[in-house]
Amino acid sequence: MLDILYQPWPWYIAGPIIGLTVPILLLLGGKMFGVSANLRHACAACNFGNVEFFNYDWKSAGKWNLTFLVGSVIGGFLAGYVFSNPEPIALSGSTITDLQALGINDFSGLVPNDLFSWDVLGSGLGLTVLVLGGFMVGFGARYAGGCTSGHAISGLSDLQLASLIAVIGFFIGGLIMTWFIYPIILG
């Protein structure tokens, strides 16, 4: 039984599990799925100044969501370190060729060490990308009224037009980043 935890799950198992998340949350009391709202809940819990945006009952509004976030972090740790697959991630030949053209050559782990090692992340460029990217993701999630998971899973299944527009924007932004901005940053 534990053997299934040491390998990637096929789409026909993982997809329905993700798809059943929304109905289960709705049955448990109309809860919405999303992660970005947790930053607001954490700021409200820390009582940062007298900012009106953070003055609300975060315990009733976000206690379950913060629990979900903590569970996601613990689950990510378990998946990455306890149940990790020792084999490198399977990438297509064309993806490897494209990444090598950008100077990424180490494909031995789950993520390329050429991009995600402490040396790279601690460099000037790495810190700039982290800070700027973090700000843009945080601002974008707030401006769009939610993150990719919230809009794509909860919003679309709830047939919200705003979520459809947001998801289309996320995809366009991802394509722009992949095809235009990454090559500039890594080039």
C-alpha atoms as a PDB file:
ATOM      1  CA  MET A   1       0.000   0.000   0.000  1.00  0.00           C
ATOM      2  CA  LEU A   2       2.791   2.451   0.820  1.00  0.00           C
ATOM      3  CA  ASP A   3       4.278   1.755  -2.601  1.00  0.00           C
ATOM      4  CA  ILE A   4       1.642   3.987  -4.238  1.00  0.00           C
ATOM      5  CA  LEU A   5       2.919   6.961  -2.192  1.00  0.00           C
ATOM      6  CA  TYR A   6       6.403   6.647  -3.684  1.00  0.00           C
ATOM      7  CA  GLN A   7       5.356   7.258  -7.276  1.00  0.00           C
ATOM      8  CA  PRO A   8       3.454   9.940  -9.179  1.00  0.00           C
ATOM      9  CA  TRP A   9      -0.269   9.351  -9.376  1.00  0.00           C
ATOM     10  CA  PRO A  10      -1.810   9.171 -12.844  1.00  0.00           C
ATOM     11  CA  TRP A  11      -4.137  11.928 -13.965  1.00  0.00           C
ATOM     12  CA  TYR A  12      -7.197   9.679 -13.748  1.00  0.00           C
ATOM     13  CA  ILE A  13      -6.659   9.301  -9.993  1.00  0.00           C
ATOM     14  CA  ALA A  14      -5.268  12.730  -9.030  1.00  0.00           C
ATOM     15  CA  GLY A  15      -7.753  14.657 -11.208  1.00  0.00           C
ATOM     16  CA  PRO A  16     -10.925  13.250  -9.641  1.00  0.00           C
ATOM     17  CA  ILE A  17      -9.470  13.727  -6.151  1.00  0.00           C
ATOM     18  CA  ILE A  18      -8.876  17.405  -6.915  1.00  0.00           C
ATOM     19  CA  GLY A  19     -12.284  17.640  -8.594  1.00  0.00           C
ATOM     20  CA  LEU A  20     -14.034  16.195  -5.539  1.00  0.00           C
ATOM     21  CA  THR A  21     -12.426  18.817  -3.298  1.00  0.00           C
ATOM     22  CA  VAL A  22     -14.970  21.500  -4.180  1.00  0.00           C
ATOM     23  CA  PRO A  23     -18.152  19.448  -3.582  1.00  0.00           C
ATOM     24  CA  ILE A  24     -16.724  18.163  -0.299  1.00  0.00           C
ATOM     25  CA  LEU A  25     -15.947  21.712   0.841  1.00  0.00           C
ATOM     26  CA  LEU A  26     -19.421  22.867  -0.150  1.00  0.00           C
ATOM     27  CA  LEU A  27     -20.975  19.975   1.766  1.00  0.00           C
ATOM     28  CA  LEU A  28     -18.880  20.888   4.810  1.00  0.00           C
ATOM     29  CA  GLY A  29     -20.529  24.263   5.134  1.00  0.00           C
ATOM     30  CA  GLY A  30     -20.048  26.316   1.974  1.00  0.00           C
ATOM     31  CA  LYS A  31     -16.293  26.644   2.285  1.00  0.00           C
ATOM     32  CA  MET A  32     -14.286  27.917  -0.694  1.00  0.00           C
ATOM     33  CA  PHE A  33     -10.924  26.514  -1.752  1.00  0.00           C
ATOM     34  CA  GLY A  34      -7.990  28.883  -2.016  1.00  0.00           C
ATOM     35  CA  VAL A  35      -4.625  29.673  -0.524  1.00  0.00           C
ATOM     36  CA  SER A  36      -3.947  33.380  -1.048  1.00  0.00           C
ATOM     37  CA  ALA A  37      -6.550  34.515   1.502  1.00  0.00           C
ATOM     38  CA  ASN A  38      -4.331  33.001   4.197  1.00  0.00           C
ATOM     39  CA  LEU A  39      -1.928  35.920   3.974  1.00  0.00           C
ATOM     40  CA  ARG A  40      -4.745  38.255   4.974  1.00  0.00           C
ATOM     41  CA  HIS A  41      -5.796  35.885   7.780  1.00  0.00           C
ATOM     42  CA  ALA A  42      -2.193  35.678   9.050  1.00  0.00           C
ATOM     43  CA  CYS A  43      -1.874  39.479   9.035  1.00  0.00           C
ATOM     44  CA  ALA A  44      -5.205  39.812  10.866  1.00  0.00           C
ATOM     45  CA  ALA A  45      -4.071  37.232  13.429  1.00  0.00           C
ATOM     46  CA  CYS A  46      -0.847  39.171  14.018  1.00  0.00           C
ATOM     47  CA  ASN A  47      -2.872  42.386  14.450  1.00  0.00           C
ATOM     48  CA  PHE A  48      -0.679  44.553  12.207  1.00  0.00           C
ATOM     49  CA  GLY A  49      -1.427  48.070  13.268  1.00  0.00           C
ATOM     50  CA  ASN A  50      -4.845  49.537  12.870  1.00  0.00           C
ATOM     51  CA  VAL A  51      -5.398  48.693   9.210  1.00  0.00           C
ATOM     52  CA  GLU A  52      -9.111  48.409   8.469  1.00  0.00           C
ATOM     53  CA  PHE A  53      -8.536  45.619   5.915  1.00  0.00           C
ATOM     54  CA  PHE A  54      -7.179  43.370   8.700  1.00  0.00           C
ATOM     55  CA  ASN A  55      -9.842  44.206  11.311  1.00  0.00           C
ATOM     56  CA  TYR A  56     -12.249  41.272  11.104  1.00  0.00           C
ATOM     57  CA  ASP A  57     -12.892  38.007  12.906  1.00  0.00           C
ATOM     58  CA  TRP A  58     -10.170  35.943  11.263  1.00  0.00           C
ATOM     59  CA  LYS A  59     -10.867  32.928  13.493  1.00  0.00           C
ATOM     60  CA  SER A  60     -14.320  32.322  12.080  1.00  0.00           C
ATOM     61  CA  ALA A  61     -13.414  33.480   8.571  1.00  0.00           C
ATOM     62  CA  GLY A  62     -10.135  31.704   8.055  1.00  0.00           C
ATOM     63  CA  LYS A  63      -9.378  29.166  10.770  1.00  0.00           C
ATOM     64  CA  TRP A  64     -10.176  26.196   8.531  1.00  0.00           C
ATOM     65  CA  ASN A  65      -8.284  27.800   5.627  1.00  0.00           C
ATOM     66  CA  LEU A  66      -5.153  28.303   7.745  1.00  0.00           C
ATOM     67  CA  THR A  67      -5.463  24.677   8.831  1.00  0.00           C
ATOM     68  CA  PHE A  68      -5.646  23.683   5.162  1.00  0.00           C
ATOM     69  CA  LEU A  69      -2.508  25.741   4.442  1.00  0.00           C
ATOM     70  CA  VAL A  70      -0.575  24.124   7.302  1.00  0.00           C
ATOM     71  CA  GLY A  71      -1.719  20.722   6.033  1.00  0.00           C
ATOM     72  CA  SER A  72      -0.519  21.625   2.541  1.00  0.00           C
ATOM     73  CA  VAL A  73       2.915  22.555   3.861  1.00  0.00           C
ATOM     74  CA  ILE A  74       3.127  19.337   5.904  1.00  0.00           C
ATOM     75  CA  GLY A  75       1.869  17.327   2.915  1.00  0.00           C
ATOM     76  CA  GLY A  76       4.447  18.979   0.655  1.00  0.00           C
ATOM     77  CA  PHE A  77       7.201  18.120   3.125  1.00  0.00           C
ATOM     78  CA  LEU A  78       6.037  14.515   3.372  1.00  0.00           C
ATOM     79  CA  ALA A  79       5.790  14.217  -0.420  1.00  0.00           C
ATOM     80  CA  GLY A  80       9.170  15.849  -0.991  1.00  0.00           C
ATOM     81  CA  TYR A  81      11.239  14.249   1.749  1.00  0.00           C
ATOM     82  CA  VAL A  82       9.501  11.257   3.304  1.00  0.00           C
ATOM     83  CA  PHE A  83       7.811   9.720   0.275  1.00  0.00           C
ATOM     84  CA  SER A  84      10.093  11.207  -2.367  1.00  0.00           C
ATOM     85  CA  ASN A  85      10.802   9.273  -5.504  1.00  0.00           C
ATOM     86  CA  PRO A  86      14.601   8.924  -5.898  1.00  0.00           C
ATOM     87  CA  GLU A  87      14.345   8.923  -9.682  1.00  0.00           C
ATOM     88  CA  PRO A  88      14.699  12.264 -11.496  1.00  0.00           C
ATOM     89  CA  ILE A  89      11.546  13.799 -12.885  1.00  0.00           C
ATOM     90  CA  ALA A  90      10.630  12.542 -16.351  1.00  0.00           C
ATOM     91  CA  LEU A  91      10.862  15.365 -18.887  1.00  0.00           C
ATOM     92  CA  SER A  92      10.382  15.237 -22.622  1.00  0.00           C
ATOM     93  CA  GLY A  93      13.457  15.499 -24.809  1.00  0.00           C
ATOM     94  CA  SER A  94      12.326  18.814 -26.269  1.00  0.00           C
ATOM     95  CA  THR A  95      11.863  20.301 -22.782  1.00  0.00           C
ATOM     96  CA  ILE A  96      15.357  19.190 -21.770  1.00  0.00           C
ATOM     97  CA  THR A  97      16.782  20.688 -24.970  1.00  0.00           C
ATOM     98  CA  ASP A  98      14.965  24.001 -24.371  1.00  0.00           C
ATOM     99  CA  LEU A  99      16.132  24.133 -20.748  1.00  0.00           C
ATOM    100  CA  GLN A 100      19.715  23.313 -21.706  1.00  0.00           C
ATOM    101  CA  ALA A 101      19.622  26.202 -24.183  1.00  0.00           C
ATOM    102  CA  LEU A 102      18.838  28.419 -21.167  1.00  0.00           C
ATOM    103  CA  GLY A 103      21.793  27.016 -19.200  1.00  0.00           C
ATOM    104  CA  ILE A 104      19.874  24.517 -17.064  1.00  0.00           C
ATOM    105  CA  ASN A 105      21.702  21.193 -17.102  1.00  0.00           C
ATOM    106  CA  ASP A 106      21.078  19.470 -13.743  1.00  0.00           C
ATOM    107  CA  PHE A 107      17.907  17.366 -13.925  1.00  0.00           C
ATOM    108  CA  SER A 108      18.781  15.001 -11.080  1.00  0.00           C
ATOM    109  CA  GLY A 109      15.982  15.973  -8.677  1.00  0.00           C
ATOM    110  CA  LEU A 110      12.417  17.117  -8.558  1.00  0.00           C
ATOM    111  CA  VAL A 111      13.440  20.652  -9.589  1.00  0.00           C
ATOM    112  CA  PRO A 112      16.581  21.771 -11.429  1.00  0.00           C
ATOM    113  CA  ASN A 113      19.386  22.601  -8.984  1.00  0.00           C
ATOM    114  CA  ASP A 114      20.599  25.175 -11.509  1.00  0.00           C
ATOM    115  CA  LEU A 115      17.543  27.249 -10.527  1.00  0.00           C
ATOM    116  CA  PHE A 116      16.578  26.103  -7.029  1.00  0.00           C
ATOM    117  CA  SER A 117      19.765  25.703  -5.004  1.00  0.00           C
ATOM    118  CA  TRP A 118      20.629  27.967  -2.070  1.00  0.00           C
ATOM    119  CA  ASP A 119      23.558  29.400  -4.051  1.00  0.00           C
ATOM    120  CA  VAL A 120      21.314  30.479  -6.909  1.00  0.00           C
ATOM    121  CA  LEU A 121      18.442  31.689  -4.719  1.00  0.00           C
ATOM    122  CA  GLY A 122      20.883  33.671  -2.537  1.00  0.00           C
ATOM    123  CA  SER A 123      22.494  35.465  -5.462  1.00  0.00           C
ATOM    124  CA  GLY A 124      21.557  39.029  -6.400  1.00  0.00           C
ATOM    125  CA  LEU A 125      19.502  37.871  -9.368  1.00  0.00           C
ATOM    126  CA  GLY A 126      17.881  35.097  -7.332  1.00  0.00           C
ATOM    127  CA  LEU A 127      16.861  37.464  -4.529  1.00  0.00           C
ATOM    128  CA  THR A 128      15.577  40.020  -7.034  1.00  0.00           C
ATOM    129  CA  VAL A 129      13.456  37.409  -8.785  1.00  0.00           C
ATOM    130  CA  LEU A 130      12.140  36.092  -5.450  1.00  0.00           C
ATOM    131  CA  VAL A 131      11.209  39.523  -4.102  1.00  0.00           C
ATOM    132  CA  LEU A 132       9.838  40.906  -7.354  1.00  0.00           C
ATOM    133  CA  GLY A 133       8.059  37.654  -8.226  1.00  0.00           C
ATOM    134  CA  GLY A 134       6.642  37.342  -4.713  1.00  0.00           C
ATOM    135  CA  PHE A 135       5.341  40.890  -4.824  1.00  0.00           C
ATOM    136  CA  MET A 136       3.805  40.379  -8.262  1.00  0.00           C
ATOM    137  CA  VAL A 137       2.146  37.096  -7.252  1.00  0.00           C
ATOM    138  CA  GLY A 138       0.848  38.568  -3.989  1.00  0.00           C
ATOM    139  CA  PHE A 139      -0.398  41.747  -5.638  1.00  0.00           C
ATOM    140  CA  GLY A 140      -1.880  39.802  -8.546  1.00  0.00           C
ATOM    141  CA  ALA A 141      -3.692  37.363  -6.282  1.00  0.00           C
ATOM    142  CA  ARG A 142      -5.143  40.226  -4.260  1.00  0.00           C
ATOM    143  CA  TYR A 143      -6.044  42.257  -7.345  1.00  0.00           C
ATOM    144  CA  ALA A 144      -7.666  39.232  -9.024  1.00  0.00           C
ATOM    145  CA  GLY A 145      -9.618  38.437  -5.864  1.00  0.00           C
ATOM    146  CA  GLY A 146      -7.894  35.094  -5.380  1.00  0.00           C
ATOM    147  CA  CYS A 147      -5.079  32.820  -6.458  1.00  0.00           C
ATOM    148  CA  THR A 148      -4.859  30.319  -9.280  1.00  0.00           C
ATOM    149  CA  SER A 149      -6.084  27.426  -7.146  1.00  0.00           C
ATOM    150  CA  GLY A 150      -9.037  29.369  -5.780  1.00  0.00           C
ATOM    151  CA  HIS A 151     -10.183  30.669  -9.150  1.00  0.00           C
ATOM    152  CA  ALA A 152      -9.404  27.565 -11.210  1.00  0.00           C
ATOM    153  CA  ILE A 153     -10.847  25.026  -8.804  1.00  0.00           C
ATOM    154  CA  SER A 154     -13.520  26.783  -6.762  1.00  0.00           C
ATOM    155  CA  GLY A 155     -14.403  29.700  -8.986  1.00  0.00           C
ATOM    156  CA  LEU A 156     -14.754  27.766 -12.231  1.00  0.00           C
ATOM    157  CA  SER A 157     -16.713  24.963 -10.593  1.00  0.00           C
ATOM    158  CA  ASP A 158     -18.996  27.639  -9.125  1.00  0.00           C
ATOM    159  CA  LEU A 159     -19.413  29.042 -12.688  1.00  0.00           C
ATOM    160  CA  GLN A 160     -18.077  32.498 -11.780  1.00  0.00           C
ATOM    161  CA  LEU A 161     -17.326  34.668 -14.827  1.00  0.00           C
ATOM    162  CA  ALA A 162     -14.662  36.583 -12.867  1.00  0.00           C
ATOM    163  CA  SER A 163     -12.827  33.304 -12.212  1.00  0.00           C
ATOM    164  CA  LEU A 164     -12.927  32.387 -15.895  1.00  0.00           C
ATOM    165  CA  ILE A 165     -11.438  35.773 -16.790  1.00  0.00           C
ATOM    166  CA  ALA A 166      -8.813  35.402 -14.050  1.00  0.00           C
ATOM    167  CA  VAL A 167      -7.833  31.884 -15.184  1.00  0.00           C
ATOM    168  CA  ILE A 168      -7.488  33.074 -18.793  1.00  0.00           C
ATOM    169  CA  GLY A 169      -5.271  35.888 -17.482  1.00  0.00           C
ATOM    170  CA  PHE A 170      -3.188  33.396 -15.457  1.00  0.00           C
ATOM    171  CA  PHE A 171      -2.605  31.310 -18.568  1.00  0.00           C
ATOM    172  CA  ILE A 172      -1.682  34.322 -20.673  1.00  0.00           C
ATOM    173  CA  GLY A 173       0.701  35.489 -17.941  1.00  0.00           C
ATOM    174  CA  GLY A 174       2.242  32.015 -17.727  1.00  0.00           C
ATOM    175  CA  LEU A 175       2.806  31.908 -21.477  1.00  0.00           C
ATOM    176  CA  ILE A 176       4.377  35.386 -21.460  1.00  0.00           C
ATOM    177  CA  MET A 177       6.636  34.380 -18.583  1.00  0.00           C
ATOM    178  CA  THR A 178       7.673  31.084 -20.189  1.00  0.00           C
ATOM    179  CA  TRP A 179       8.298  32.331 -23.709  1.00  0.00           C
ATOM    180  CA  PHE A 180       9.511  35.917 -23.163  1.00  0.00           C
ATOM    181  CA  ILE A 181      10.553  36.773 -19.597  1.00  0.00           C
ATOM    182  CA  TYR A 182      12.329  33.540 -18.526  1.00  0.00           C
ATOM    183  CA  PRO A 183      14.667  33.638 -21.515  1.00  0.00           C
ATOM    184  CA  ILE A 184      15.598  37.216 -20.624  1.00  0.00           C
ATOM    185  CA  ILE A 185      16.174  36.385 -16.939  1.00  0.00           C
ATOM    186  CA  LEU A 186      18.122  33.187 -17.655  1.00  0.00           C
ATOM    187  CA  GLY A 187      19.842  34.399 -20.808  1.00  0.00           C
END
